[in-house]
Amino acid sequence: MDNLYCLRCSRELEAGQKSVAVYLFAQTVGVKPRQKSSAQRICFCPQCSVSLAMGPAPEGALNLAAWQMIRDIVGADPALTEAAWESLHGIEEGLLPATGTGSAHPMRPGAFFEF
């Protein structure tokens, strides 16, 4: 199994860790034979999921559709928000460097998201 990373902040997500996954694929409609792309799994850590859900709506129809789905997921159950808060306690305890002193999670090459 491949290592998963948060698309927004590039944190590594361990198997079974709380996160939000968006599955993206495309298929033709009304065209025979039907064509279907492979599915891509896009993951967000709890902190980024909550941050995205609480932030302003992004521009672009596809970004807006994904944002609305993430808002629905985050708002449906407090478990993800609780996981994000638990992770923030790690920042207070010195598990992550202070702003401007480096990054505990360096960006992976090619990591990009429009939000």
Protein backbone atom coordinates (compact mmCIF):
# COMPACT_ATOMS: atom_id res chain seq x y z
CA MET A 1 0.00 0.00 0.00
CA ASP A 2 1.31 3.43 -0.91
CA ASN A 3 1.96 6.04 1.76
CA LEU A 4 -0.80 8.62 1.80
CA TYR A 5 -0.16 12.33 2.27
CA CYS A 6 -2.47 15.25 2.95
CA LEU A 7 -2.86 17.07 -0.34
CA ARG A 8 -2.87 20.47 1.35
CA CYS A 9 -0.02 20.28 3.90
CA SER A 10 1.83 17.10 2.80
CA ARG A 11 1.64 15.44 6.26
CA GLU A 12 2.01 11.69 6.01
CA LEU A 13 -1.19 9.86 6.91
CA GLU A 14 -0.73 6.49 8.54
CA ALA A 15 -3.11 3.60 7.83
CA GLY A 16 -6.19 3.95 10.02
CA GLN A 17 -5.45 7.58 10.94
CA LYS A 18 -8.46 9.89 10.94
CA SER A 19 -8.65 11.84 7.68
CA VAL A 20 -10.98 12.76 4.84
CA ALA A 21 -10.60 11.08 1.47
CA VAL A 22 -12.11 12.45 -1.73
CA TYR A 23 -12.30 9.97 -4.59
CA LEU A 24 -12.18 11.56 -8.02
CA PHE A 25 -12.98 9.84 -11.31
CA ALA A 26 -14.64 10.76 -14.58
CA GLN A 27 -16.90 8.86 -16.94
CA THR A 28 -18.81 9.62 -20.07
CA VAL A 29 -22.60 9.85 -19.98
CA GLY A 30 -24.82 9.15 -22.97
CA VAL A 31 -21.92 7.88 -25.04
CA LYS A 32 -21.49 4.22 -25.97
CA PRO A 33 -19.21 2.57 -25.14
CA ARG A 34 -18.92 4.27 -21.77
CA GLN A 35 -15.43 5.49 -20.93
CA LYS A 36 -14.27 5.62 -17.33
CA SER A 37 -11.07 7.00 -15.85
CA SER A 38 -9.23 5.38 -12.98
CA ALA A 39 -10.15 6.75 -9.56
CA GLN A 40 -7.75 8.95 -7.62
CA ARG A 41 -7.81 9.15 -3.83
CA ILE A 42 -7.17 12.64 -2.49
CA CYS A 43 -6.61 12.80 1.28
CA PHE A 44 -6.77 15.60 3.83
CA CYS A 45 -5.55 15.41 7.44
CA PRO A 46 -8.01 16.42 10.19
CA GLN A 47 -6.50 19.90 10.59
CA CYS A 48 -6.72 20.70 6.87
CA SER A 49 -10.21 19.18 6.60
CA VAL A 50 -11.54 21.39 9.39
CA SER A 51 -9.66 24.42 8.07
CA LEU A 52 -11.05 23.94 4.58
CA ALA A 53 -14.59 23.37 5.87
CA MET A 54 -14.51 26.51 8.00
CA GLY A 55 -12.90 28.71 5.37
CA PRO A 56 -14.48 30.70 2.58
CA ALA A 57 -15.81 28.98 -0.53
CA PRO A 58 -13.13 28.49 -3.20
CA GLU A 59 -13.47 29.61 -6.80
CA GLY A 60 -14.20 27.13 -9.55
CA ALA A 61 -17.02 24.64 -9.90
CA LEU A 62 -14.94 21.54 -9.16
CA ASN A 63 -13.26 23.13 -6.12
CA LEU A 64 -16.66 24.30 -4.85
CA ALA A 65 -18.16 20.81 -5.21
CA ALA A 66 -15.26 19.24 -3.26
CA TRP A 67 -15.46 21.98 -0.61
CA GLN A 68 -19.17 21.34 -0.07
CA MET A 69 -18.54 17.61 0.35
CA ILE A 70 -15.76 18.26 2.87
CA ARG A 71 -18.04 20.65 4.81
CA ASP A 72 -20.76 18.00 4.94
CA ILE A 73 -18.31 15.37 6.23
CA VAL A 74 -16.71 17.63 8.84
CA GLY A 75 -20.10 18.87 10.07
CA ALA A 76 -21.64 15.39 10.31
CA ASP A 77 -19.55 14.09 13.22
CA PRO A 78 -17.33 15.87 15.76
CA ALA A 79 -14.69 13.08 15.66
CA LEU A 80 -12.67 14.75 12.90
CA THR A 81 -12.73 18.14 14.62
CA GLU A 82 -11.68 16.47 17.89
CA ALA A 83 -8.76 14.80 16.07
CA ALA A 84 -7.69 18.19 14.70
CA TRP A 85 -7.77 19.71 18.20
CA GLU A 86 -5.80 16.77 19.62
CA SER A 87 -3.14 17.36 17.00
CA LEU A 88 -3.00 21.06 17.90
CA HIS A 89 -2.14 20.07 21.47
CA GLY A 90 1.02 18.53 19.99
CA ILE A 91 1.98 21.96 18.67
CA GLU A 92 1.63 23.44 22.16
CA GLU A 93 3.81 20.66 23.56
CA GLY A 94 6.62 21.51 21.16
CA LEU A 95 6.17 18.66 18.70
CA LEU A 96 6.23 21.06 15.77
CA PRO A 97 8.62 23.97 15.25
CA ALA A 98 7.42 27.53 15.74
CA THR A 99 6.38 29.52 12.69
CA GLY A 100 9.35 30.59 10.60
CA THR A 101 11.78 28.01 12.01
CA GLY A 102 11.25 25.32 9.39
CA SER A 103 8.64 22.75 8.69
CA ALA A 104 7.98 19.43 10.35
CA HIS A 105 6.31 18.34 7.10
CA PRO A 106 8.27 19.48 4.05
CA MET A 107 6.31 19.78 0.84
CA ARG A 108 6.52 16.76 -1.42
CA PRO A 109 7.50 17.52 -5.01
CA GLY A 110 4.37 18.03 -7.07
CA ALA A 111 2.09 18.66 -4.05
CA PHE A 112 -0.46 21.23 -5.09
CA PHE A 113 -3.99 22.22 -4.25
CA GLU A 114 -5.86 25.35 -5.22
CA PHE A 115 -7.61 26.03 -1.89
